[in-house]
Each structure stands twice: as C-alpha cells, then as structure tokens.
N, C-alpha and C. Protein backbone atom coordinates (compact mmCIF):
# COMPACT_ATOMS: atom_id res chain seq x y z
N UNK A 1 26.62 26.35 10.28
CA UNK A 1 25.74 27.48 10.00
C UNK A 1 24.31 27.10 10.33
N UNK A 2 23.58 28.01 10.98
CA UNK A 2 22.22 27.74 11.41
C UNK A 2 21.27 27.88 10.24
N UNK A 3 20.39 26.92 10.07
CA UNK A 3 19.38 26.97 9.03
C UNK A 3 18.24 27.86 9.50
N UNK A 4 18.05 29.02 8.81
CA UNK A 4 17.04 29.98 9.25
C UNK A 4 15.63 29.46 9.02
N UNK A 5 15.48 28.45 8.18
CA UNK A 5 14.15 27.90 7.92
C UNK A 5 13.71 26.94 9.02
N UNK A 6 14.63 26.53 9.87
CA UNK A 6 14.29 25.61 10.96
C UNK A 6 13.66 26.38 12.11
N UNK A 7 12.47 25.99 12.55
CA UNK A 7 11.83 26.71 13.65
C UNK A 7 12.62 26.57 14.94
N UNK A 8 12.54 27.60 15.79
CA UNK A 8 13.23 27.56 17.07
C UNK A 8 12.58 26.52 17.97
N UNK A 9 13.29 26.20 19.06
CA UNK A 9 12.76 25.20 19.98
C UNK A 9 11.46 25.69 20.61
N UNK A 10 11.41 26.99 20.94
CA UNK A 10 10.19 27.56 21.53
C UNK A 10 9.00 27.44 20.59
N UNK A 11 9.22 27.76 19.32
CA UNK A 11 8.13 27.64 18.34
C UNK A 11 7.72 26.19 18.16
N UNK A 12 8.71 25.31 18.18
CA UNK A 12 8.39 23.88 18.06
C UNK A 12 7.54 23.41 19.23
N UNK A 13 7.85 23.90 20.42
CA UNK A 13 7.08 23.53 21.61
C UNK A 13 5.65 24.02 21.49
N UNK A 14 5.48 25.30 21.11
CA UNK A 14 4.12 25.85 20.95
C UNK A 14 3.36 25.11 19.86
N UNK A 15 4.05 24.84 18.74
CA UNK A 15 3.39 24.14 17.64
C UNK A 15 2.93 22.76 18.05
N UNK A 16 3.77 22.05 18.79
CA UNK A 16 3.39 20.70 19.22
C UNK A 16 2.25 20.76 20.22
N UNK A 17 2.27 21.75 21.12
CA UNK A 17 1.19 21.88 22.10
C UNK A 17 -0.15 22.14 21.41
N UNK A 18 -0.15 23.06 20.43
CA UNK A 18 -1.37 23.34 19.68
C UNK A 18 -1.83 22.09 18.92
N UNK A 19 -0.87 21.41 18.28
CA UNK A 19 -1.20 20.23 17.49
C UNK A 19 -1.81 19.13 18.35
N UNK A 20 -1.20 18.87 19.51
CA UNK A 20 -1.71 17.82 20.39
C UNK A 20 -3.07 18.19 20.98
N UNK A 21 -3.26 19.48 21.25
CA UNK A 21 -4.56 19.92 21.78
C UNK A 21 -5.65 19.74 20.73
N UNK A 22 -5.34 20.13 19.48
CA UNK A 22 -6.32 19.94 18.40
C UNK A 22 -6.61 18.46 18.19
N UNK A 23 -5.57 17.64 18.30
CA UNK A 23 -5.76 16.20 18.13
C UNK A 23 -6.67 15.64 19.22
N UNK A 24 -6.53 16.16 20.43
CA UNK A 24 -7.38 15.70 21.54
C UNK A 24 -8.84 16.03 21.26
N UNK A 25 -9.10 17.26 20.83
CA UNK A 25 -10.49 17.67 20.61
C UNK A 25 -11.07 17.10 19.32
N UNK A 26 -10.21 16.66 18.41
CA UNK A 26 -10.72 16.10 17.16
C UNK A 26 -11.54 14.85 17.41
N UNK A 27 -11.14 14.07 18.42
CA UNK A 27 -11.85 12.83 18.72
C UNK A 27 -13.24 13.09 19.31
N UNK A 28 -13.44 14.29 19.86
CA UNK A 28 -14.76 14.61 20.45
C UNK A 28 -15.52 15.60 19.57
N UNK A 29 -15.10 15.77 18.33
CA UNK A 29 -15.72 16.76 17.46
C UNK A 29 -17.17 16.43 17.16
N UNK A 30 -17.47 15.17 16.92
CA UNK A 30 -18.86 14.81 16.61
C UNK A 30 -19.78 15.11 17.78
N UNK A 31 -19.30 14.82 18.99
CA UNK A 31 -20.11 15.13 20.17
C UNK A 31 -20.29 16.64 20.31
N UNK A 32 -19.22 17.39 19.98
CA UNK A 32 -19.32 18.84 20.09
C UNK A 32 -20.32 19.40 19.08
N UNK A 33 -20.30 18.87 17.85
CA UNK A 33 -21.25 19.32 16.82
C UNK A 33 -22.67 19.02 17.25
N UNK A 34 -22.88 17.83 17.81
CA UNK A 34 -24.22 17.47 18.29
C UNK A 34 -24.67 18.40 19.41
N UNK A 35 -23.74 18.71 20.32
CA UNK A 35 -24.09 19.60 21.43
C UNK A 35 -24.42 21.00 20.94
N UNK A 36 -23.63 21.50 19.98
CA UNK A 36 -23.89 22.85 19.44
C UNK A 36 -25.21 22.89 18.70
N UNK A 37 -25.50 21.82 17.93
CA UNK A 37 -26.78 21.76 17.22
C UNK A 37 -27.95 21.75 18.19
N UNK A 38 -27.83 20.94 19.23
CA UNK A 38 -28.89 20.89 20.26
C UNK A 38 -29.05 22.24 20.94
N UNK A 39 -27.91 22.90 21.22
CA UNK A 39 -27.96 24.21 21.86
C UNK A 39 -28.63 25.24 20.96
N UNK A 40 -28.29 25.20 19.66
CA UNK A 40 -28.90 26.14 18.72
C UNK A 40 -30.41 25.94 18.63
N UNK A 41 -30.83 24.67 18.61
CA UNK A 41 -32.28 24.40 18.59
C UNK A 41 -32.94 24.90 19.86
N UNK A 42 -32.25 24.72 20.99
CA UNK A 42 -32.80 25.20 22.25
C UNK A 42 -32.96 26.70 22.26
N UNK A 43 -31.96 27.41 21.73
CA UNK A 43 -32.05 28.88 21.65
C UNK A 43 -33.19 29.31 20.74
N UNK A 44 -33.33 28.59 19.62
CA UNK A 44 -34.42 28.95 18.69
C UNK A 44 -35.79 28.75 19.33
N UNK A 45 -35.96 27.62 20.02
CA UNK A 45 -37.23 27.37 20.71
C UNK A 45 -37.47 28.40 21.81
N UNK A 46 -36.41 28.73 22.54
CA UNK A 46 -36.56 29.72 23.62
C UNK A 46 -36.94 31.08 23.06
N UNK A 47 -36.29 31.45 21.96
CA UNK A 47 -36.60 32.75 21.35
C UNK A 47 -38.03 32.77 20.83
N UNK A 48 -38.48 31.60 20.32
CA UNK A 48 -39.83 31.53 19.74
C UNK A 48 -40.91 31.58 20.81
N UNK A 49 -40.67 30.90 21.92
CA UNK A 49 -41.75 30.73 22.90
C UNK A 49 -41.65 31.64 24.12
N UNK A 50 -40.47 32.10 24.50
CA UNK A 50 -40.38 32.92 25.72
C UNK A 50 -39.92 34.34 25.45
N UNK A 51 -39.58 34.65 24.18
CA UNK A 51 -39.24 36.01 23.83
C UNK A 51 -37.75 36.29 23.89
N UNK A 52 -37.40 37.46 23.36
CA UNK A 52 -36.00 37.83 23.21
C UNK A 52 -35.31 38.05 24.55
N UNK A 53 -35.96 38.78 25.45
CA UNK A 53 -35.33 39.14 26.73
C UNK A 53 -34.97 37.92 27.54
N UNK A 54 -35.93 37.03 27.68
CA UNK A 54 -35.66 35.81 28.46
C UNK A 54 -34.64 34.92 27.76
N UNK A 55 -34.66 34.92 26.42
CA UNK A 55 -33.68 34.12 25.68
C UNK A 55 -32.26 34.61 25.94
N UNK A 56 -32.09 35.93 25.94
CA UNK A 56 -30.77 36.50 26.22
C UNK A 56 -30.30 36.09 27.62
N UNK A 57 -31.22 36.09 28.56
CA UNK A 57 -30.88 35.67 29.92
C UNK A 57 -30.45 34.21 29.95
N UNK A 58 -31.18 33.37 29.19
CA UNK A 58 -30.83 31.95 29.15
C UNK A 58 -29.45 31.74 28.53
N UNK A 59 -29.18 32.51 27.46
CA UNK A 59 -27.87 32.38 26.79
C UNK A 59 -26.76 32.81 27.74
N UNK A 60 -26.99 33.90 28.46
CA UNK A 60 -25.99 34.36 29.42
C UNK A 60 -25.76 33.32 30.51
N UNK A 61 -26.84 32.69 30.94
CA UNK A 61 -26.72 31.64 31.97
C UNK A 61 -25.90 30.47 31.45
N UNK A 62 -26.20 30.04 30.20
CA UNK A 62 -25.47 28.91 29.62
C UNK A 62 -24.01 29.26 29.39
N UNK A 63 -23.76 30.52 28.99
CA UNK A 63 -22.38 30.94 28.77
C UNK A 63 -21.58 30.89 30.06
N UNK A 64 -22.25 31.29 31.15
CA UNK A 64 -21.56 31.33 32.44
C UNK A 64 -21.29 29.93 32.99
N UNK A 65 -22.23 29.03 32.78
CA UNK A 65 -22.12 27.71 33.41
C UNK A 65 -21.79 26.57 32.44
N UNK A 66 -21.69 26.89 31.13
CA UNK A 66 -21.36 25.86 30.14
C UNK A 66 -20.09 26.20 29.37
N UNK A 67 -20.09 27.36 28.69
CA UNK A 67 -18.95 27.70 27.84
C UNK A 67 -17.71 28.06 28.65
N UNK A 68 -17.91 28.73 29.77
CA UNK A 68 -16.76 29.08 30.60
C UNK A 68 -16.01 27.84 31.10
N UNK A 69 -16.72 26.83 31.63
CA UNK A 69 -16.01 25.60 32.03
C UNK A 69 -15.32 24.91 30.86
N UNK A 70 -15.97 24.93 29.67
CA UNK A 70 -15.35 24.31 28.50
C UNK A 70 -14.06 25.04 28.13
N UNK A 71 -14.09 26.37 28.21
CA UNK A 71 -12.89 27.15 27.91
C UNK A 71 -11.78 26.82 28.90
N UNK A 72 -12.16 26.70 30.17
CA UNK A 72 -11.17 26.36 31.20
C UNK A 72 -10.57 24.98 30.95
N UNK A 73 -11.42 24.02 30.54
CA UNK A 73 -10.94 22.67 30.23
C UNK A 73 -9.96 22.71 29.05
N UNK A 74 -10.34 23.45 27.99
CA UNK A 74 -9.47 23.55 26.82
C UNK A 74 -8.14 24.20 27.18
N UNK A 75 -8.20 25.26 27.97
CA UNK A 75 -6.97 25.93 28.38
C UNK A 75 -6.10 25.01 29.23
N UNK A 76 -6.73 24.24 30.11
CA UNK A 76 -5.99 23.31 30.96
C UNK A 76 -5.29 22.24 30.12
N UNK A 77 -6.02 21.71 29.12
CA UNK A 77 -5.43 20.68 28.25
C UNK A 77 -4.27 21.25 27.46
N UNK A 78 -4.43 22.50 26.96
CA UNK A 78 -3.35 23.13 26.22
C UNK A 78 -2.11 23.31 27.09
N UNK A 79 -2.31 23.80 28.33
CA UNK A 79 -1.18 23.99 29.25
C UNK A 79 -0.51 22.65 29.56
N UNK A 80 -1.31 21.60 29.69
CA UNK A 80 -0.77 20.26 29.95
C UNK A 80 0.13 19.80 28.80
N UNK A 81 -0.36 19.97 27.56
CA UNK A 81 0.46 19.58 26.40
C UNK A 81 1.66 20.50 26.24
N UNK A 82 1.50 21.78 26.61
CA UNK A 82 2.63 22.71 26.55
C UNK A 82 3.73 22.29 27.51
N UNK A 83 3.34 21.77 28.66
CA UNK A 83 4.30 21.30 29.65
C UNK A 83 5.00 20.03 29.18
N UNK A 84 4.26 19.16 28.47
CA UNK A 84 4.84 17.90 28.00
C UNK A 84 5.66 18.06 26.72
N UNK A 85 5.38 19.11 25.94
CA UNK A 85 5.97 19.25 24.60
C UNK A 85 7.50 19.24 24.60
N UNK A 86 8.20 19.99 25.47
CA UNK A 86 9.67 19.97 25.41
C UNK A 86 10.26 18.57 25.54
N UNK A 87 9.74 17.81 26.50
CA UNK A 87 10.25 16.44 26.69
C UNK A 87 9.94 15.58 25.48
N UNK A 88 8.73 15.75 24.90
CA UNK A 88 8.35 14.94 23.74
C UNK A 88 9.22 15.27 22.53
N UNK A 89 9.48 16.58 22.30
CA UNK A 89 10.31 16.98 21.16
C UNK A 89 11.74 16.48 21.34
N UNK A 90 12.25 16.61 22.57
CA UNK A 90 13.61 16.12 22.85
C UNK A 90 13.70 14.62 22.63
N UNK A 91 12.69 13.88 23.07
CA UNK A 91 12.68 12.43 22.90
C UNK A 91 12.65 12.06 21.41
N UNK A 92 11.80 12.75 20.64
CA UNK A 92 11.70 12.45 19.21
C UNK A 92 13.02 12.75 18.50
N UNK A 93 13.67 13.87 18.89
CA UNK A 93 14.95 14.21 18.28
C UNK A 93 16.01 13.16 18.60
N UNK A 94 16.06 12.74 19.87
CA UNK A 94 17.02 11.72 20.28
C UNK A 94 16.74 10.39 19.59
N UNK A 95 15.45 10.08 19.42
CA UNK A 95 15.08 8.84 18.75
C UNK A 95 15.52 8.86 17.29
N UNK A 96 15.34 10.03 16.61
CA UNK A 96 15.76 10.15 15.21
C UNK A 96 17.27 10.00 15.08
N UNK A 97 18.00 10.64 16.01
CA UNK A 97 19.46 10.53 15.98
C UNK A 97 19.90 9.09 16.21
N UNK A 98 19.26 8.41 17.17
CA UNK A 98 19.63 7.02 17.46
C UNK A 98 19.33 6.12 16.28
N UNK A 99 18.19 6.35 15.60
CA UNK A 99 17.85 5.55 14.43
C UNK A 99 18.86 5.77 13.32
N UNK A 100 19.31 7.03 13.15
CA UNK A 100 20.31 7.31 12.13
C UNK A 100 21.63 6.62 12.46
N UNK A 101 22.01 6.65 13.75
CA UNK A 101 23.25 5.99 14.17
C UNK A 101 23.15 4.48 13.96
N UNK A 102 22.00 3.91 14.35
CA UNK A 102 21.80 2.47 14.18
C UNK A 102 21.86 2.08 12.71
N UNK A 103 21.22 2.91 11.85
CA UNK A 103 21.24 2.62 10.42
C UNK A 103 22.65 2.67 9.86
N UNK A 104 23.43 3.68 10.31
CA UNK A 104 24.81 3.80 9.85
C UNK A 104 25.65 2.63 10.34
N UNK A 105 25.41 2.21 11.58
CA UNK A 105 26.17 1.07 12.12
C UNK A 105 25.85 -0.22 11.38
N UNK A 106 24.56 -0.39 11.04
CA UNK A 106 24.16 -1.59 10.31
C UNK A 106 24.81 -1.61 8.93
N UNK A 107 24.77 -0.44 8.26
CA UNK A 107 25.38 -0.35 6.92
C UNK A 107 26.88 -0.58 7.00
N UNK A 108 27.51 -0.01 8.03
CA UNK A 108 28.95 -0.18 8.19
C UNK A 108 29.30 -1.63 8.49
N UNK A 109 28.49 -2.24 9.35
CA UNK A 109 28.75 -3.64 9.70
C UNK A 109 28.58 -4.55 8.49
N UNK A 110 27.56 -4.25 7.68
CA UNK A 110 27.33 -5.07 6.48
C UNK A 110 28.49 -4.92 5.50
N UNK A 111 29.00 -3.67 5.39
CA UNK A 111 30.08 -3.42 4.45
C UNK A 111 31.39 -4.04 4.93
N UNK A 112 31.59 -4.01 6.26
CA UNK A 112 32.82 -4.52 6.82
C UNK A 112 32.74 -6.01 7.15
N UNK A 113 31.63 -6.63 6.76
CA UNK A 113 31.47 -8.06 7.00
C UNK A 113 32.64 -8.82 6.38
N UNK A 114 33.14 -9.77 7.11
CA UNK A 114 34.32 -10.51 6.67
C UNK A 114 34.07 -11.20 5.33
N UNK A 115 34.79 -10.76 4.32
CA UNK A 115 34.67 -11.33 2.97
C UNK A 115 35.97 -12.04 2.64
N UNK A 116 35.87 -13.24 2.15
CA UNK A 116 37.04 -14.00 1.74
C UNK A 116 37.41 -13.60 0.31
N UNK A 117 38.42 -12.74 0.20
CA UNK A 117 38.81 -12.25 -1.12
C UNK A 117 39.77 -13.20 -1.84
N UNK A 118 40.22 -14.24 -1.15
CA UNK A 118 41.23 -15.13 -1.74
C UNK A 118 40.83 -15.68 -3.12
N UNK A 119 39.60 -16.21 -3.28
CA UNK A 119 39.25 -16.75 -4.61
C UNK A 119 39.29 -15.69 -5.71
N UNK A 120 38.99 -14.44 -5.35
CA UNK A 120 38.93 -13.39 -6.36
C UNK A 120 40.31 -12.90 -6.76
N UNK A 121 41.32 -13.26 -5.97
CA UNK A 121 42.69 -12.89 -6.33
C UNK A 121 43.22 -13.76 -7.47
N UNK A 122 42.55 -14.90 -7.70
CA UNK A 122 43.03 -15.84 -8.72
C UNK A 122 42.10 -15.93 -9.92
N UNK A 123 41.06 -15.13 -9.93
CA UNK A 123 40.15 -15.15 -11.08
C UNK A 123 40.82 -14.50 -12.27
N UNK A 124 40.67 -15.11 -13.43
CA UNK A 124 41.28 -14.56 -14.65
C UNK A 124 40.37 -13.54 -15.33
N UNK A 125 39.11 -13.53 -14.93
CA UNK A 125 38.17 -12.55 -15.49
C UNK A 125 37.05 -12.31 -14.49
N UNK A 126 36.37 -11.19 -14.68
CA UNK A 126 35.22 -10.83 -13.84
C UNK A 126 34.09 -10.35 -14.74
N UNK A 127 32.88 -10.61 -14.29
CA UNK A 127 31.76 -9.95 -14.96
C UNK A 127 31.72 -8.50 -14.46
N UNK A 128 31.06 -7.64 -15.22
CA UNK A 128 30.92 -6.25 -14.78
C UNK A 128 30.26 -6.20 -13.41
N UNK A 129 29.26 -7.06 -13.23
CA UNK A 129 28.52 -7.12 -11.97
C UNK A 129 29.46 -7.45 -10.82
N UNK A 130 30.35 -8.44 -11.03
CA UNK A 130 31.28 -8.85 -9.98
C UNK A 130 32.33 -7.78 -9.70
N UNK A 131 32.87 -7.20 -10.76
CA UNK A 131 33.94 -6.22 -10.57
C UNK A 131 33.42 -4.95 -9.90
N UNK A 132 32.17 -4.60 -10.19
CA UNK A 132 31.57 -3.43 -9.53
C UNK A 132 31.49 -3.66 -8.02
N UNK A 133 31.12 -4.87 -7.62
CA UNK A 133 31.06 -5.19 -6.19
C UNK A 133 32.45 -5.23 -5.57
N UNK A 134 33.43 -5.68 -6.34
CA UNK A 134 34.80 -5.68 -5.84
C UNK A 134 35.26 -4.25 -5.56
N UNK A 135 34.97 -3.33 -6.47
CA UNK A 135 35.35 -1.93 -6.27
C UNK A 135 34.61 -1.32 -5.08
N UNK A 136 33.36 -1.76 -4.87
CA UNK A 136 32.57 -1.26 -3.74
C UNK A 136 32.91 -1.97 -2.44
N UNK A 137 33.79 -2.97 -2.54
CA UNK A 137 34.22 -3.77 -1.37
C UNK A 137 33.04 -4.48 -0.69
N UNK A 138 32.14 -4.97 -1.52
CA UNK A 138 31.06 -5.81 -1.02
C UNK A 138 31.22 -7.19 -1.63
N UNK A 139 30.54 -8.17 -1.07
CA UNK A 139 30.73 -9.56 -1.48
C UNK A 139 30.30 -9.76 -2.94
N UNK A 140 31.23 -10.09 -3.83
CA UNK A 140 30.87 -10.29 -5.24
C UNK A 140 29.93 -11.47 -5.47
N UNK A 141 29.91 -12.41 -4.52
CA UNK A 141 29.06 -13.59 -4.68
C UNK A 141 27.64 -13.34 -4.20
N UNK A 142 27.42 -12.21 -3.56
CA UNK A 142 26.08 -11.90 -3.04
C UNK A 142 25.14 -11.50 -4.16
N UNK A 143 23.86 -11.78 -3.98
CA UNK A 143 22.86 -11.39 -4.97
C UNK A 143 22.49 -9.92 -4.85
N UNK A 144 22.74 -9.34 -3.66
CA UNK A 144 22.37 -7.94 -3.42
C UNK A 144 23.42 -7.01 -4.02
N UNK A 145 22.97 -5.81 -4.39
CA UNK A 145 23.87 -4.81 -4.94
C UNK A 145 23.66 -3.50 -4.20
N UNK A 146 24.73 -2.94 -3.64
CA UNK A 146 24.62 -1.67 -2.92
C UNK A 146 24.50 -0.52 -3.91
N UNK A 147 24.16 0.66 -3.39
CA UNK A 147 24.07 1.85 -4.24
C UNK A 147 25.44 2.18 -4.83
N UNK A 148 26.48 2.04 -4.02
CA UNK A 148 27.84 2.29 -4.50
C UNK A 148 28.22 1.30 -5.59
N UNK A 149 27.85 0.04 -5.38
CA UNK A 149 28.13 -0.98 -6.39
C UNK A 149 27.40 -0.70 -7.69
N UNK A 150 26.17 -0.24 -7.60
CA UNK A 150 25.39 0.09 -8.80
C UNK A 150 26.05 1.22 -9.59
N UNK A 151 26.59 2.20 -8.85
CA UNK A 151 27.26 3.32 -9.52
C UNK A 151 28.50 2.83 -10.26
N UNK A 152 29.28 1.95 -9.63
CA UNK A 152 30.45 1.38 -10.30
C UNK A 152 30.03 0.57 -11.52
N UNK A 153 28.97 -0.22 -11.39
CA UNK A 153 28.53 -1.06 -12.51
C UNK A 153 28.14 -0.22 -13.71
N UNK A 154 27.41 0.87 -13.48
CA UNK A 154 27.01 1.73 -14.59
C UNK A 154 28.22 2.37 -15.26
N UNK A 155 29.21 2.78 -14.44
CA UNK A 155 30.42 3.39 -14.99
C UNK A 155 31.21 2.38 -15.83
N UNK A 156 31.35 1.16 -15.31
CA UNK A 156 32.10 0.14 -16.05
C UNK A 156 31.41 -0.18 -17.37
N UNK A 157 30.10 -0.37 -17.34
CA UNK A 157 29.37 -0.69 -18.57
C UNK A 157 29.48 0.45 -19.58
N UNK A 158 29.44 1.67 -19.09
CA UNK A 158 29.57 2.82 -19.99
C UNK A 158 30.92 2.83 -20.68
N UNK A 159 32.00 2.57 -19.92
CA UNK A 159 33.33 2.55 -20.51
C UNK A 159 33.52 1.35 -21.43
N UNK A 160 32.88 0.23 -21.11
CA UNK A 160 32.91 -0.92 -22.01
C UNK A 160 32.27 -0.57 -23.34
N UNK A 161 31.12 0.07 -23.30
CA UNK A 161 30.43 0.46 -24.53
C UNK A 161 31.19 1.52 -25.31
N UNK A 162 31.97 2.34 -24.59
CA UNK A 162 32.76 3.39 -25.24
C UNK A 162 34.15 2.91 -25.64
N UNK A 163 34.39 1.62 -25.47
CA UNK A 163 35.68 1.00 -25.80
C UNK A 163 36.83 1.53 -24.93
N UNK A 164 36.49 2.13 -23.79
CA UNK A 164 37.54 2.59 -22.87
C UNK A 164 38.04 1.45 -22.01
N UNK A 165 37.28 0.37 -21.95
CA UNK A 165 37.67 -0.83 -21.22
C UNK A 165 37.41 -2.04 -22.11
N UNK A 166 38.48 -2.75 -22.52
CA UNK A 166 38.28 -3.93 -23.36
C UNK A 166 37.45 -4.99 -22.64
N UNK A 167 36.66 -5.70 -23.41
CA UNK A 167 35.84 -6.75 -22.80
C UNK A 167 35.91 -8.01 -23.65
N UNK A 168 35.48 -9.10 -23.09
CA UNK A 168 35.51 -10.39 -23.78
C UNK A 168 34.22 -10.51 -24.61
N UNK A 169 34.37 -10.48 -25.90
CA UNK A 169 33.21 -10.55 -26.78
C UNK A 169 32.67 -11.97 -26.82
N UNK A 170 31.37 -12.09 -26.76
CA UNK A 170 30.71 -13.39 -26.81
C UNK A 170 29.77 -13.43 -28.01
N UNK A 171 29.60 -14.64 -28.55
CA UNK A 171 28.76 -14.82 -29.72
C UNK A 171 27.76 -15.94 -29.47
N UNK A 172 26.60 -15.78 -30.02
CA UNK A 172 25.58 -16.82 -29.98
C UNK A 172 25.30 -17.30 -31.40
N UNK A 173 24.95 -18.59 -31.49
CA UNK A 173 24.64 -19.15 -32.80
C UNK A 173 23.27 -18.68 -33.25
N UNK A 174 23.21 -18.18 -34.47
CA UNK A 174 21.94 -17.73 -35.02
C UNK A 174 21.36 -18.72 -36.00
N UNK A 175 20.37 -18.30 -36.75
CA UNK A 175 19.70 -19.17 -37.72
C UNK A 175 20.67 -19.52 -38.85
N UNK A 176 20.70 -20.78 -39.20
CA UNK A 176 21.55 -21.24 -40.30
C UNK A 176 23.01 -21.34 -39.94
N UNK A 177 23.30 -21.37 -38.64
CA UNK A 177 24.69 -21.53 -38.22
C UNK A 177 25.47 -20.24 -38.13
N UNK A 178 24.84 -19.12 -38.48
CA UNK A 178 25.54 -17.84 -38.38
C UNK A 178 25.69 -17.45 -36.91
N UNK A 179 26.68 -16.63 -36.64
CA UNK A 179 26.92 -16.16 -35.28
C UNK A 179 26.67 -14.66 -35.19
N UNK A 180 26.17 -14.24 -34.05
CA UNK A 180 25.98 -12.80 -33.83
C UNK A 180 26.52 -12.43 -32.46
N UNK A 181 27.01 -11.21 -32.37
CA UNK A 181 27.64 -10.75 -31.14
C UNK A 181 26.57 -10.47 -30.08
N UNK A 182 26.84 -10.94 -28.87
CA UNK A 182 25.92 -10.71 -27.76
C UNK A 182 26.07 -9.27 -27.28
N UNK A 183 24.96 -8.61 -27.04
CA UNK A 183 24.98 -7.23 -26.58
C UNK A 183 25.58 -7.15 -25.18
N UNK A 184 26.35 -6.10 -24.95
CA UNK A 184 26.98 -5.94 -23.63
C UNK A 184 25.93 -5.72 -22.54
N UNK A 185 26.23 -6.25 -21.37
CA UNK A 185 25.34 -6.12 -20.21
C UNK A 185 26.18 -6.25 -18.95
N UNK A 186 25.53 -6.27 -17.81
CA UNK A 186 26.26 -6.44 -16.56
C UNK A 186 26.86 -7.83 -16.45
N UNK A 187 26.43 -8.76 -17.29
CA UNK A 187 27.00 -10.11 -17.31
C UNK A 187 28.20 -10.21 -18.25
N UNK A 188 28.50 -9.14 -18.97
CA UNK A 188 29.67 -9.12 -19.84
C UNK A 188 30.94 -9.24 -19.00
N UNK A 189 31.90 -10.01 -19.49
CA UNK A 189 33.13 -10.26 -18.74
C UNK A 189 34.28 -9.40 -19.25
N UNK A 190 35.18 -9.07 -18.33
CA UNK A 190 36.41 -8.35 -18.67
C UNK A 190 37.59 -9.13 -18.09
N UNK A 191 38.73 -9.07 -18.78
CA UNK A 191 39.91 -9.77 -18.29
C UNK A 191 40.42 -9.09 -17.02
N UNK A 192 41.01 -9.89 -16.17
CA UNK A 192 41.50 -9.39 -14.88
C UNK A 192 42.49 -8.24 -15.07
N UNK A 193 43.49 -8.45 -15.94
CA UNK A 193 44.52 -7.42 -16.10
C UNK A 193 43.94 -6.12 -16.68
N UNK A 194 42.97 -6.26 -17.59
CA UNK A 194 42.34 -5.06 -18.15
C UNK A 194 41.52 -4.32 -17.09
N UNK A 195 40.82 -5.09 -16.26
CA UNK A 195 39.99 -4.48 -15.22
C UNK A 195 40.86 -3.75 -14.20
N UNK A 196 41.97 -4.39 -13.77
CA UNK A 196 42.83 -3.76 -12.78
C UNK A 196 43.52 -2.52 -13.34
N UNK A 197 43.91 -2.59 -14.60
CA UNK A 197 44.55 -1.43 -15.23
C UNK A 197 43.55 -0.27 -15.35
N UNK A 198 42.33 -0.59 -15.73
CA UNK A 198 41.28 0.44 -15.83
C UNK A 198 41.01 1.08 -14.47
N UNK A 199 40.93 0.25 -13.42
CA UNK A 199 40.68 0.77 -12.08
C UNK A 199 41.83 1.64 -11.59
N UNK A 200 43.07 1.23 -11.88
CA UNK A 200 44.23 2.01 -11.46
C UNK A 200 44.25 3.37 -12.13
N UNK A 201 43.85 3.42 -13.41
CA UNK A 201 43.82 4.69 -14.13
C UNK A 201 42.82 5.66 -13.52
N UNK A 202 41.79 5.13 -12.90
CA UNK A 202 40.77 5.98 -12.26
C UNK A 202 41.00 6.11 -10.75
N UNK A 203 42.12 5.57 -10.27
CA UNK A 203 42.49 5.65 -8.86
C UNK A 203 41.49 4.94 -7.96
N UNK A 204 40.94 3.81 -8.45
CA UNK A 204 40.05 2.99 -7.63
C UNK A 204 40.88 1.91 -6.94
N UNK A 205 40.60 1.66 -5.68
CA UNK A 205 41.38 0.70 -4.91
C UNK A 205 41.01 -0.74 -5.28
N UNK A 206 42.05 -1.53 -5.56
CA UNK A 206 41.85 -2.96 -5.83
C UNK A 206 42.87 -3.80 -5.06
N UNK A 207 43.45 -3.22 -4.02
CA UNK A 207 44.49 -3.91 -3.25
C UNK A 207 43.96 -5.19 -2.61
N UNK A 208 42.68 -5.23 -2.32
CA UNK A 208 42.12 -6.40 -1.62
C UNK A 208 42.01 -7.63 -2.51
N UNK A 209 42.23 -7.49 -3.83
CA UNK A 209 42.20 -8.68 -4.70
C UNK A 209 43.53 -8.87 -5.41
N UNK A 210 44.56 -8.22 -4.95
CA UNK A 210 45.88 -8.39 -5.57
C UNK A 210 46.71 -9.42 -4.81
C-alpha cells in the first residue's frame, strides 16, 4: 500500500532543487547583504543630491544591468540543481538501501557466527544471563547482549520472581553468622532441566544445547 504522506518523486526533485539552490546562495548571503546595503545608500544619496527623476532613471539602469543578470544567474543555478536532483535522489535512495542491506548482513553474520554449543550441552545449570543468550542463539560466553537476548533475560527473571521458573537460591553470610537470601538478578542460576522444561512450555527452541 502506498503511503500518502510520502512525497512523489517529482516533488522530491523540486524540493531538492530548491534546497540546493538556497544552500548555494546561503554562502554568499553576507556579500549580498553588503551589496544591498551599499545599493540602498547609493539610492539615498542619489535621491538627495540629484533628485527623484534622475534617481528613478539610475534605479532603472541598475535593474536592467544588475538585477536582471542576478536573476538569470539564480535561475540558471536552479535549473542546474533541478537537472542534477533526480540522479542525486536516486543515489541517496540506493545508498540507504545498501546500508540497510549491509547492516542486516552484518547482524545476520554475527548471529550465525560459528558457536561451539558442545560445552553448554553438559552444563548442569545456567545463569539467567547465559540462558537468555542460549535462547537468542548468541554466544553465551560473550560479554555483549543482543536486543533479543535482553528480552529473553527480562522474561526469565520475571518468571523467576513469579515462581514460574524454579531457581537455585543462594545465601550470603550476614552479621553474627546469620544468613540472608541473595536477591534474584541476571546472575541467578537455574537448573538445566528446569530451564529446558520452562523453555519447552513456551515453545522456545533449545535443540542446539540438547
């Protein structure tokens, strides 16, 4: 379905031509302001010293031999940018598509990077952090965490806190020899069989570590 908010190619061409023309003249704006100021002072002096009639003649002369050439130059520059705009827009669109393809290929290559799953097939327990990466099929030993892995990690921790997934409780020694339960985190561990059973119930693939 066509997005009606997207400008047509013709409008994009005109818009780019106008934009590039304005950008060209922006760099000479200070010179233009100085020229206009000088011209205004000249008109004021002419009106003061030679009178209205002669001033009008001078303005007409300047318009014919100054403003008309400037208008022609501006029109020529606009037509030049209008001629270049289709190729420039097409190039930018192709460049954006290529960058998107390259980004997807890089992400795919990183995800499909050869991971040795053998050690993880024999682990008796996983931390939430590790198991999330296993579900995302990224290297559990890596320090980096993908967006998909982060989503799995948050889900696992939520179910651990809701007692939907049993976890290995850990205790730290407190003051006077008392023990207190460590708060659950992404470093909390779950037994292998519990983790696989939980994943199977949610239809998450774990065949690569079986």
